[in-house]
Protein backbone atom coordinates (compact mmCIF):
# COMPACT_ATOMS: atom_id res chain seq x y z
CA MET A 1 182.75 111.18 101.97
CA SER A 2 186.04 112.98 102.18
CA VAL A 3 186.91 115.15 105.17
CA MET A 4 185.92 118.79 104.86
CA ASP A 5 188.66 121.34 105.20
CA GLU A 6 188.52 124.96 106.36
CA LEU A 7 187.68 126.23 102.85
CA ASP A 8 184.71 123.83 102.61
CA ARG A 9 183.44 125.06 105.98
CA LYS A 10 183.79 128.73 104.91
CA ILE A 11 181.90 128.05 101.66
CA ILE A 12 179.12 126.23 103.51
CA ALA A 13 178.83 129.02 106.09
CA LEU A 14 178.58 131.67 103.37
CA LEU A 15 175.95 129.70 101.45
CA ALA A 16 174.00 129.02 104.66
CA GLU A 17 173.81 132.77 105.20
CA ASP A 18 172.81 133.48 101.58
CA GLY A 19 172.14 130.52 99.31
CA ARG A 20 172.09 132.80 96.26
CA LEU A 21 175.56 134.26 96.86
CA PRO A 22 177.43 134.16 93.53
CA TYR A 23 180.46 131.90 93.34
CA ARG A 24 182.52 134.90 92.25
CA ARG A 25 181.67 136.69 95.52
CA ILE A 26 182.38 133.55 97.58
CA GLY A 27 185.76 133.37 95.85
CA GLU A 28 186.47 136.98 96.78
CA LEU A 29 185.49 136.40 100.41
CA THR A 30 187.55 133.21 100.72
CA GLY A 31 190.51 134.25 98.57
CA VAL A 32 190.17 131.48 95.97
CA ALA A 33 189.25 131.33 92.30
CA THR A 34 185.62 131.10 91.19
CA THR A 35 186.34 127.73 89.55
CA THR A 36 187.62 126.39 92.87
CA VAL A 37 184.40 127.47 94.58
CA HIS A 38 182.34 125.87 91.81
CA GLN A 39 184.27 122.58 92.11
CA ARG A 40 183.97 122.57 95.90
CA VAL A 41 180.22 123.27 95.83
CA ARG A 42 179.70 120.57 93.20
CA ARG A 43 181.67 118.04 95.30
CA LEU A 44 179.84 118.98 98.51
CA THR A 45 176.52 118.64 96.68
CA GLU A 46 177.46 115.25 95.21
CA GLN A 47 178.47 114.08 98.69
CA GLY A 48 175.13 115.23 100.12
CA VAL A 49 176.70 117.82 102.42
CA ILE A 50 174.81 120.57 100.58
CA ALA A 51 171.26 119.46 99.85
CA GLY A 52 169.83 122.61 98.30
CA THR A 53 169.34 126.28 98.97
CA ARG A 54 166.63 127.95 101.01
CA ILE A 55 165.09 131.35 101.37
CA THR A 56 164.11 133.05 104.59
CA ILE A 57 160.40 133.78 104.75
CA ASP A 58 158.80 136.61 106.69
CA TRP A 59 155.82 134.58 107.91
CA GLU A 60 153.86 137.63 109.04
CA ALA A 61 154.28 139.31 105.65
CA ILE A 62 152.75 136.32 103.86
CA GLY A 63 149.81 136.04 106.23
CA LEU A 64 150.97 133.33 108.64
CA PRO A 65 151.92 135.31 111.76
CA VAL A 66 151.10 132.60 114.32
CA THR A 67 153.78 130.02 115.04
CA ALA A 68 153.17 127.13 117.39
CA MET A 69 155.17 124.13 118.52
CA VAL A 70 152.93 121.13 119.04
CA SER A 71 154.06 117.98 120.85
CA VAL A 72 151.91 114.96 120.08
CA GLU A 73 151.66 111.40 121.24
CA ALA A 74 151.45 108.85 118.44
CA PRO A 75 148.55 106.42 118.67
CA GLY A 76 149.65 103.18 120.39
CA GLY A 77 151.34 100.72 118.10
CA LEU A 78 151.51 102.99 115.05
CA PRO A 79 155.04 103.58 113.73
CA LEU A 80 156.11 107.21 114.12
CA ALA A 81 157.05 107.39 110.43
CA GLU A 82 153.47 106.47 109.51
CA VAL A 83 151.99 109.19 111.73
CA ALA A 84 154.54 111.69 110.36
CA LYS A 85 153.58 110.78 106.78
CA SER A 86 149.93 111.46 107.61
CA VAL A 87 150.69 114.77 109.34
CA GLU A 88 152.82 115.79 106.34
CA THR A 89 149.64 116.00 104.26
CA LEU A 90 148.47 118.96 106.36
CA PRO A 91 149.51 122.19 104.60
CA PHE A 92 150.28 124.31 107.67
CA VAL A 93 152.61 121.82 109.37
CA GLN A 94 156.11 123.05 108.58
CA ASP A 95 158.31 120.56 110.47
CA CYS A 96 157.94 117.20 112.15
CA TYR A 97 160.59 115.70 114.43
CA ALA A 98 160.67 112.41 116.32
CA VAL A 99 161.67 113.33 119.86
CA THR A 100 162.47 111.77 123.20
CA GLY A 101 160.60 112.45 126.39
CA GLU A 102 156.95 112.75 127.21
CA PHE A 103 155.76 112.99 123.59
CA ASP A 104 156.66 111.26 120.33
CA LEU A 105 156.59 114.00 117.70
CA LEU A 106 157.27 117.73 117.72
CA LEU A 107 155.58 119.79 115.01
CA THR A 108 156.06 123.38 113.90
CA ILE A 109 152.81 124.97 112.77
CA ARG A 110 152.33 128.22 110.82
CA ALA A 111 148.81 129.68 111.03
CA ARG A 112 146.82 132.73 109.94
CA SER A 113 145.28 133.34 113.38
CA SER A 114 144.57 131.65 116.69
CA ASP A 115 141.24 130.42 115.27
CA HIS A 116 143.09 128.96 112.28
CA LEU A 117 145.60 127.33 114.64
CA GLY A 118 142.67 125.66 116.37
CA GLU A 119 141.52 124.27 113.01
CA VAL A 120 145.02 122.94 112.27
CA LEU A 121 145.16 121.32 115.73
CA GLU A 122 141.83 119.59 115.05
CA SER A 123 143.27 118.25 111.79
CA ILE A 124 146.32 116.92 113.61
CA ARG A 125 144.07 115.15 116.13
CA ARG A 126 142.63 113.04 113.30
CA PHE A 127 146.06 111.42 112.88
CA ALA A 128 147.27 111.63 116.48
CA PRO A 129 144.21 111.62 118.77
CA GLY A 130 146.24 111.11 121.95
CA ARG A 131 147.67 113.67 124.32
CA SER A 132 149.26 116.81 122.94
CA ARG A 133 150.77 120.05 124.15
CA THR A 134 150.77 123.32 122.21
CA VAL A 135 153.13 126.23 122.81
CA VAL A 136 152.46 129.44 120.89
CA VAL A 137 155.48 131.57 119.97
CA LEU A 138 155.18 135.16 121.24
CA ALA A 139 158.32 136.54 119.56
CA THR A 140 161.05 135.17 117.32
CA TYR A 141 164.51 136.50 118.08
CA PHE A 142 166.24 134.30 115.50
CA GLU A 143 165.58 131.11 113.58
CA GLY A 144 167.28 129.06 110.92
CA ARG A 145 170.71 129.97 112.25
CA THR A 146 173.62 127.78 111.18
CA PRO A 147 175.84 126.85 114.12
CA ASP A 148 179.61 126.81 113.78
CA LEU A 149 180.65 123.82 111.71
CA PRO A 150 182.81 121.23 113.46
CA ASP A 151 186.38 120.57 112.33
CA ARG A 152 185.51 116.89 111.92
CA PRO A 153 182.20 115.12 111.25
């Protein structure tokens, strides 16, 4: 992978903010030609720096207003990747991270209600019956933010 320059970082930051931003507009905002933007985005995609575009979802508007972070302990001896693959089959588990500390995995759950969250937690216990800790989000001030990109990888 070649080193990213300032223009690459500007393009990535603009696309992170709005993945549907037209190349023409990115060119205007960065002061380069549309073809330059297109070539840069293609190169960054080929290199795996850009792996797709995403939308921002208003979870409450689509009927999933409850967000919870669930830390779980993987059953003894089972590889974390195997537990994660099982948990991935559950439709309301949004994210799964291997973490350090007291627990093995950290999950983000989106649920319809607290009762529904309880049902999702019961489903998770089938794959990870050990200890767990659930934290329910009371308010979201921001999420999905892209931090400043470093000058060097």
